[in-house]
Amino acid sequence: QVQLVESGGGSVQAGGSLTLSCSVSGRIAGISHMGWYRRTPRQDPGNQRELVAVITSDGRITYTDAVQGRFTLSRVNGKNTINLQMNSLKPEDTAIYYCNIPLNANGLAPYALSWGQGTQVTVSS
């Protein structure tokens, strides 16, 4: 069974840094785009997750305005693994972070896989 596995979350103070990692366990062919998403405490569990950043098959990376200049998405060559380096963290970055494989280059639904467990990031002021 193919699954998404996120790791690297934790609790930090504002201004701190964390690096998240996402890997695809199991065999899956033809992964083009990969993205990071988050659900904040303010968001209804039934709502879609907010797109944080996406990397397309040709290496283009797009960030949501809220994290531009602070977060860096990278893809491990030859592997279905992406990382998210998060610097200058703010309390409003507190969320559960997920990764997925969007079928569109804009990073939005639909997605190739079901959502994983995510990894919790908590930023205190």
Protein backbone atom coordinates (compact mmCIF):
# COMPACT_ATOMS: atom_id res chain seq x y z
CA GLN A 1 0.00 0.00 0.00
CA VAL A 2 1.38 3.38 -0.96
CA GLN A 3 1.39 5.91 1.84
CA LEU A 4 2.64 9.39 2.59
CA VAL A 5 4.88 9.70 5.62
CA GLU A 6 5.60 13.11 7.13
CA SER A 7 8.11 13.77 9.88
CA GLY A 8 10.15 16.49 11.51
CA GLY A 9 7.53 18.50 13.35
CA GLY A 10 7.95 19.80 16.86
CA SER A 11 7.57 22.73 19.19
CA VAL A 12 9.72 25.83 18.80
CA GLN A 13 9.67 29.44 19.87
CA ALA A 14 8.93 32.20 17.44
CA GLY A 15 11.93 32.86 15.24
CA GLY A 16 13.04 29.26 15.37
CA SER A 17 13.47 26.72 12.59
CA LEU A 18 12.32 23.24 11.72
CA THR A 19 12.82 20.95 8.76
CA LEU A 20 10.01 18.68 7.68
CA SER A 21 10.43 15.62 5.50
CA CYS A 22 7.92 13.74 3.37
CA SER A 23 8.44 10.42 1.70
CA VAL A 24 6.24 8.08 -0.28
CA SER A 25 6.35 4.55 1.05
CA GLY A 26 5.62 1.85 -1.45
CA ARG A 27 5.93 1.90 -5.18
CA ILE A 28 4.16 4.50 -7.27
CA ALA A 29 4.94 5.46 -10.82
CA GLY A 30 4.86 8.81 -12.50
CA ILE A 31 5.03 11.26 -9.64
CA SER A 32 5.21 14.71 -11.19
CA HIS A 33 4.38 17.36 -8.61
CA MET A 34 4.67 17.26 -4.84
CA GLY A 35 3.43 19.71 -2.30
CA TRP A 36 3.26 20.70 1.34
CA TYR A 37 -0.04 21.67 2.94
CA ARG A 38 -1.21 22.61 6.39
CA ARG A 39 -4.30 22.76 8.51
CA THR A 40 -4.24 25.40 11.23
CA PRO A 41 -6.19 25.21 14.50
CA ARG A 42 -8.60 27.82 13.15
CA GLN A 43 -9.58 25.70 10.19
CA ASP A 44 -12.52 23.33 10.24
CA PRO A 45 -11.31 19.71 10.05
CA GLY A 46 -13.66 19.18 7.16
CA ASN A 47 -12.10 21.93 5.08
CA GLN A 48 -9.35 21.56 2.58
CA ARG A 49 -5.83 22.01 3.74
CA GLU A 50 -4.02 25.22 2.85
CA LEU A 51 -1.36 24.92 0.18
CA VAL A 52 2.04 25.94 1.57
CA ALA A 53 4.38 25.17 -1.33
CA VAL A 54 4.49 23.01 -4.43
CA ILE A 55 7.28 21.76 -6.66
CA THR A 56 6.39 20.82 -10.22
CA SER A 57 7.87 18.10 -12.37
CA ASP A 58 10.21 20.61 -14.02
CA GLY A 59 11.44 21.96 -10.71
CA ARG A 60 9.42 25.14 -10.43
CA ILE A 61 8.55 25.98 -6.84
CA THR A 62 5.68 28.17 -5.72
CA TYR A 63 5.04 29.35 -2.17
CA THR A 64 1.98 30.81 -0.58
CA ASP A 65 2.51 34.47 0.28
CA ALA A 66 2.45 33.80 4.02
CA VAL A 67 5.64 31.72 3.90
CA GLN A 68 7.48 33.31 0.97
CA GLY A 69 11.05 34.10 1.95
CA ARG A 70 10.91 32.01 5.13
CA PHE A 71 10.24 28.47 3.91
CA THR A 72 12.26 26.50 1.36
CA LEU A 73 10.97 23.41 -0.38
CA SER A 74 13.44 20.96 -1.85
CA ARG A 75 13.14 17.63 -3.59
CA VAL A 76 15.61 14.82 -3.10
CA ASN A 77 16.91 13.78 -6.51
CA GLY A 78 15.87 10.36 -7.63
CA LYS A 79 13.55 9.87 -4.67
CA ASN A 80 9.94 10.56 -3.94
CA THR A 81 10.97 12.71 -1.02
CA ILE A 82 10.54 16.41 -0.38
CA ASN A 83 11.72 18.54 2.50
CA LEU A 84 10.48 21.84 3.87
CA GLN A 85 12.99 24.04 5.63
CA MET A 86 11.06 26.48 7.80
CA ASN A 87 12.88 29.51 9.20
CA SER A 88 11.70 32.53 11.15
CA LEU A 89 8.70 30.63 12.33
CA LYS A 90 5.70 32.57 13.61
CA PRO A 91 2.87 31.51 15.93
CA GLU A 92 0.52 31.63 12.95
CA ASP A 93 2.56 28.84 11.34
CA THR A 94 1.21 26.50 14.02
CA ALA A 95 -0.55 23.72 12.13
CA ILE A 96 -0.49 20.10 11.14
CA TYR A 97 1.64 19.85 8.02
CA TYR A 98 0.90 17.32 5.31
CA CYS A 99 2.35 16.43 1.96
CA ASN A 100 0.66 15.02 -1.09
CA ILE A 101 0.95 14.53 -4.81
CA PRO A 102 -1.29 17.01 -6.63
CA LEU A 103 -2.32 16.04 -10.12
CA ASN A 104 -2.13 19.68 -11.20
CA ALA A 105 0.92 21.91 -11.23
CA ASN A 106 -0.89 24.55 -9.19
CA GLY A 107 -0.78 22.22 -6.20
CA LEU A 108 -4.52 22.07 -5.75
CA ALA A 109 -6.91 19.11 -5.75
CA PRO A 110 -7.22 16.45 -6.89
CA TYR A 111 -4.47 14.46 -5.25
CA ALA A 112 -2.99 11.09 -6.10
CA LEU A 113 -3.04 9.68 -2.58
CA SER A 114 -5.02 9.82 0.60
CA TRP A 115 -3.74 12.17 3.25
CA GLY A 116 -1.22 10.85 5.76
CA GLN A 117 -1.12 11.55 9.47
CA GLY A 118 0.77 14.79 9.04
CA THR A 119 3.29 16.23 11.45
CA GLN A 120 2.45 18.80 14.11
CA VAL A 121 4.30 22.11 14.19
CA THR A 122 3.72 24.35 17.20
CA VAL A 123 5.25 27.81 17.42
CA SER A 124 5.01 29.67 20.69
CA SER A 125 5.36 33.41 21.09
